[in-house]
C-alpha atoms as a PDB file:
ATOM      1  CA  MET A   1     113.741  97.900  38.700  1.00  0.00           C
ATOM      2  CA  ASN A   2     112.560  98.322  42.274  1.00  0.00           C
ATOM      3  CA  GLY A   3     109.027  99.383  41.446  1.00  0.00           C
ATOM      4  CA  TYR A   4     107.075 101.940  43.410  1.00  0.00           C
ATOM      5  CA  ILE A   5     105.175 101.844  46.676  1.00  0.00           C
ATOM      6  CA  LYS A   6     101.550 102.739  47.337  1.00  0.00           C
ATOM      7  CA  PRO A   7      98.927 101.680  49.887  1.00  0.00           C
ATOM      8  CA  ASP A   8      96.347  99.051  49.003  1.00  0.00           C
ATOM      9  CA  ALA A   9      92.669  99.094  50.020  1.00  0.00           C
ATOM     10  CA  LYS A  10      93.582  97.730  53.478  1.00  0.00           C
ATOM     11  CA  GLY A  11      96.133 100.492  54.107  1.00  0.00           C
ATOM     12  CA  LEU A  12      99.147  98.214  53.664  1.00  0.00           C
ATOM     13  CA  TYR A  13     101.948  99.723  51.636  1.00  0.00           C
ATOM     14  CA  ARG A  14     102.827  97.389  48.794  1.00  0.00           C
ATOM     15  CA  ARG A  15     105.383  97.408  46.028  1.00  0.00           C
ATOM     16  CA  HIS A  16     104.063  97.647  42.480  1.00  0.00           C
ATOM     17  CA  TYR A  17     105.922  97.181  39.219  1.00  0.00           C
ATOM     18  CA  ALA A  18     105.310  98.575  35.765  1.00  0.00           C
ATOM     19  CA  SER A  19     103.583  96.138  33.435  1.00  0.00           C
ATOM     20  CA  SER A  20     105.687  94.703  30.652  1.00  0.00           C
ATOM     21  CA  GLY A  21     105.504  96.983  27.624  1.00  0.00           C
ATOM     22  CA  SER A  22     103.688  99.762  29.503  1.00  0.00           C
ATOM     23  CA  ASP A  23     104.582 103.431  29.139  1.00  0.00           C
ATOM     24  CA  ALA A  24     106.020 103.322  32.668  1.00  0.00           C
ATOM     25  CA  GLU A  25     108.309 100.406  31.791  1.00  0.00           C
ATOM     26  CA  VAL A  26     109.548 102.133  28.632  1.00  0.00           C
ATOM     27  CA  LEU A  27     110.113 105.357  30.578  1.00  0.00           C
ATOM     28  CA  GLY A  28     112.006 103.429  33.270  1.00  0.00           C
ATOM     29  CA  ARG A  29     114.194 101.715  30.688  1.00  0.00           C
ATOM     30  CA  ARG A  30     114.989 105.036  29.011  1.00  0.00           C
ATOM     31  CA  ALA A  31     115.878 106.592  32.404  1.00  0.00           C
ATOM     32  CA  LEU A  32     118.195 103.681  33.220  1.00  0.00           C
ATOM     33  CA  VAL A  33     119.823 103.983  29.801  1.00  0.00           C
ATOM     34  CA  GLU A  34     120.411 107.687  30.433  1.00  0.00           C
ATOM     35  CA  LEU A  35     122.036 106.933  33.792  1.00  0.00           C
ATOM     36  CA  LEU A  36     124.254 104.289  32.229  1.00  0.00           C
ATOM     37  CA  GLU A  37     125.291 106.664  29.468  1.00  0.00           C
ATOM     38  CA  ARG A  38     126.371 109.275  32.033  1.00  0.00           C
ATOM     39  CA  GLY A  39     127.910 106.804  34.504  1.00  0.00           C
ATOM     40  CA  ASN A  40     131.465 105.704  35.152  1.00  0.00           C
ATOM     41  CA  LEU A  41     131.030 102.139  33.956  1.00  0.00           C
ATOM     42  CA  HIS A  42     133.486 100.898  31.374  1.00  0.00           C
ATOM     43  CA  ARG A  43     132.065 101.818  27.968  1.00  0.00           C
ATOM     44  CA  ASP A  44     131.878  98.175  26.833  1.00  0.00           C
ATOM     45  CA  ILE A  45     129.822  97.195  29.890  1.00  0.00           C
ATOM     46  CA  SER A  46     127.472 100.169  29.786  1.00  0.00           C
ATOM     47  CA  GLY A  47     127.056  99.750  26.004  1.00  0.00           C
ATOM     48  CA  ALA A  48     126.137  96.081  26.401  1.00  0.00           C
ATOM     49  CA  LEU A  49     123.602  96.930  29.136  1.00  0.00           C
ATOM     50  CA  ILE A  50     122.126  99.762  27.079  1.00  0.00           C
ATOM     51  CA  GLU A  51     121.588  97.404  24.121  1.00  0.00           C
ATOM     52  CA  LEU A  52     119.660  95.055  26.427  1.00  0.00           C
ATOM     53  CA  LEU A  53     117.558  97.811  28.012  1.00  0.00           C
ATOM     54  CA  VAL A  54     116.471 100.123  25.204  1.00  0.00           C
ATOM     55  CA  PRO A  55     112.955  99.571  23.836  1.00  0.00           C
ATOM     56  CA  ASN A  56     112.579  97.625  20.586  1.00  0.00           C
ATOM     57  CA  ASP A  57     112.076 100.778  18.520  1.00  0.00           C
ATOM     58  CA  ASP A  58     115.537 102.120  19.448  1.00  0.00           C
ATOM     59  CA  GLN A  59     118.218 101.566  16.796  1.00  0.00           C
ATOM     60  CA  ARG A  60     120.661 100.357  19.475  1.00  0.00           C
ATOM     61  CA  ALA A  61     118.391  97.444  20.477  1.00  0.00           C
ATOM     62  CA  ASN A  62     120.051  94.052  20.644  1.00  0.00           C
ATOM     63  CA  ASP A  63     118.345  90.793  19.596  1.00  0.00           C
ATOM     64  CA  ARG A  64     118.079  90.006  23.300  1.00  0.00           C
ATOM     65  CA  LYS A  65     116.452  92.057  26.040  1.00  0.00           C
ATOM     66  CA  LEU A  66     116.817  92.331  29.772  1.00  0.00           C
ATOM     67  CA  GLU A  67     113.722  91.519  31.836  1.00  0.00           C
ATOM     68  CA  PHE A  68     113.116  92.038  35.537  1.00  0.00           C
ATOM     69  CA  LYS A  69     111.136  89.155  37.005  1.00  0.00           C
ATOM     70  CA  HIS A  70     110.624  87.535  40.376  1.00  0.00           C
ATOM     71  CA  ARG A  71     113.073  84.729  41.009  1.00  0.00           C
ATOM     72  CA  ARG A  72     110.820  82.443  43.019  1.00  0.00           C
ATOM     73  CA  ARG A  73     107.719  80.530  42.017  1.00  0.00           C
ATOM     74  CA  GLY A  74     104.382  81.509  43.469  1.00  0.00           C
ATOM     75  CA  ALA A  75     103.126  84.866  44.575  1.00  0.00           C
ATOM     76  CA  PRO A  76     105.934  87.245  45.468  1.00  0.00           C
ATOM     77  CA  GLN A  77     106.364  88.139  49.124  1.00  0.00           C
ATOM     78  CA  ASP A  78     105.708  91.774  49.867  1.00  0.00           C
ATOM     79  CA  ALA A  79     108.217  92.574  52.611  1.00  0.00           C
ATOM     80  CA  MET A  80     106.635  95.930  53.383  1.00  0.00           C
ATOM     81  CA  ALA A  81     103.213  94.387  53.984  1.00  0.00           C
ATOM     82  CA  VAL A  82     104.702  91.537  56.035  1.00  0.00           C
ATOM     83  CA  SER A  83     106.569  94.067  58.200  1.00  0.00           C
ATOM     84  CA  ALA A  84     103.502  96.279  58.637  1.00  0.00           C
ATOM     85  CA  ILE A  85     101.368  93.316  59.717  1.00  0.00           C
ATOM     86  CA  ALA A  86     104.012  92.045  62.146  1.00  0.00           C
ATOM     87  CA  ASP A  87     104.487  95.539  63.533  1.00  0.00           C
ATOM     88  CA  ALA A  88     100.736  95.842  64.140  1.00  0.00           C
ATOM     89  CA  VAL A  89     100.924  92.606  66.163  1.00  0.00           C
ATOM     90  CA  ARG A  90     103.969  93.943  68.049  1.00  0.00           C
ATOM     91  CA  VAL A  91     102.192  97.199  68.915  1.00  0.00           C
ATOM     92  CA  GLU A  92      99.141  95.319  70.222  1.00  0.00           C
ATOM     93  CA  ILE A  93     101.391  93.136  72.400  1.00  0.00           C
ATOM     94  CA  TYR A  94     103.251  96.234  73.642  1.00  0.00           C
ATOM     95  CA  ASN A  95      99.879  97.770  74.534  1.00  0.00           C
ATOM     96  CA  GLY A  96      99.020  94.788  76.742  1.00  0.00           C
ATOM     97  CA  SER A  97      97.367  92.217  74.461  1.00  0.00           C
ATOM     98  CA  ASN A  98      98.511  88.617  74.465  1.00  0.00           C
ATOM     99  CA  VAL A  99      99.695  87.205  71.148  1.00  0.00           C
ATOM    100  CA  GLU A 100      96.348  85.616  70.308  1.00  0.00           C
ATOM    101  CA  ALA A 101      94.426  88.858  70.926  1.00  0.00           C
ATOM    102  CA  ALA A 102      97.050  90.842  69.014  1.00  0.00           C
ATOM    103  CA  ILE A 103      96.705  88.476  66.056  1.00  0.00           C
ATOM    104  CA  ASP A 104      92.895  88.795  66.197  1.00  0.00           C
ATOM    105  CA  LYS A 105      93.051  92.595  66.203  1.00  0.00           C
ATOM    106  CA  THR A 106      95.549  92.605  63.346  1.00  0.00           C
ATOM    107  CA  MET A 107      93.396  90.188  61.335  1.00  0.00           C
ATOM    108  CA  SER A 108      90.454  92.553  61.708  1.00  0.00           C
ATOM    109  CA  LYS A 109      92.511  95.652  60.974  1.00  0.00           C
ATOM    110  CA  PHE A 110      93.937  94.334  57.695  1.00  0.00           C
ATOM    111  CA  ASN A 111      91.236  91.771  56.807  1.00  0.00           C
ATOM    112  CA  ILE A 112      93.759  88.935  56.584  1.00  0.00           C
ATOM    113  CA  SER A 113      93.687  85.276  57.548  1.00  0.00           C
ATOM    114  CA  ARG A 114      94.937  83.974  60.900  1.00  0.00           C
ATOM    115  CA  ASP A 115      97.531  81.847  59.108  1.00  0.00           C
ATOM    116  CA  TYR A 116      98.941  84.825  57.205  1.00  0.00           C
ATOM    117  CA  ALA A 117      99.026  87.014  60.342  1.00  0.00           C
ATOM    118  CA  TYR A 118     100.918  84.290  62.224  1.00  0.00           C
ATOM    119  CA  ARG A 119     103.350  83.776  59.326  1.00  0.00           C
ATOM    120  CA  CYS A 120     104.102  87.503  59.229  1.00  0.00           C
ATOM    121  CA  TRP A 121     104.529  87.623  63.001  1.00  0.00           C
ATOM    122  CA  SER A 122     106.789  84.561  63.132  1.00  0.00           C
ATOM    123  CA  LYS A 123     108.936  85.931  60.308  1.00  0.00           C
ATOM    124  CA  CYS A 124     109.536  89.296  62.020  1.00  0.00           C
ATOM    125  CA  LYS A 125     109.376  88.366  65.719  1.00  0.00           C
ATOM    126  CA  PRO A 126     113.108  87.459  65.969  1.00  0.00           C
ATOM    127  CA  VAL A 127     114.028  90.846  64.511  1.00  0.00           C
ATOM    128  CA  PHE A 128     111.769  92.677  66.962  1.00  0.00           C
ATOM    129  CA  GLU A 129     113.210  90.644  69.856  1.00  0.00           C
ATOM    130  CA  ALA A 130     116.784  91.437  68.777  1.00  0.00           C
ATOM    131  CA  MET A 131     115.940  95.130  68.501  1.00  0.00           C
ATOM    132  CA  GLU A 132     114.350  95.094  71.958  1.00  0.00           C
ATOM    133  CA  ALA A 133     117.366  93.288  73.467  1.00  0.00           C
ATOM    134  CA  ASP A 134     119.723  95.805  71.843  1.00  0.00           C
ATOM    135  CA  TRP A 135     117.640  98.702  73.160  1.00  0.00           C
ATOM    136  CA  GLN A 136     117.639  97.165  76.653  1.00  0.00           C
ATOM    137  CA  ARG A 137     121.436  96.706  76.537  1.00  0.00           C
ATOM    138  CA  GLN A 138     122.011 100.284  75.448  1.00  0.00           C
ATOM    139  CA  ASN A 139     119.713 101.752  78.064  1.00  0.00           C
ATOM    140  CA  SER A 140     120.893  99.592  80.973  1.00  0.00           C
ATOM    141  CA  SER A 141     124.509 100.688  80.504  1.00  0.00           C
ATOM    142  CA  LYS A 142     123.771 104.425  80.580  1.00  0.00           C
ATOM    143  CA  PRO A 143     124.752 106.222  83.786  1.00  0.00           C
ATOM    144  CA  LYS A 144     121.920 107.684  85.811  1.00  0.00           C
END
């Protein structure tokens, strides 16, 4: 359901999912079925989910099946990669670079476009700023 994580050629950790019908998908479905069978869900609910999840060759298979797909159109966002790119920009800024230089270094490091580096940075910058403000608040109130 949540896939697995491994680094790509650029060193960015990305989420990967089992291909439809692959051995990994079938194994994942069987594992989820096993968890549902042992769980505390009401039997009617777990039974209905099991019928949707088991592979076609299982006698419990329903006419319908449950599929895990991305909800939005276009290429899916990889939150881990976005965070890693934004963090690389943040580290460069922390080490004394201005934003433009930090973006340039990050572009080179991950071989990405300027536009994508800026989008990643702008998406995560408010979170980094909030974390920094929280850290400052916590450390300014400590007695010396």
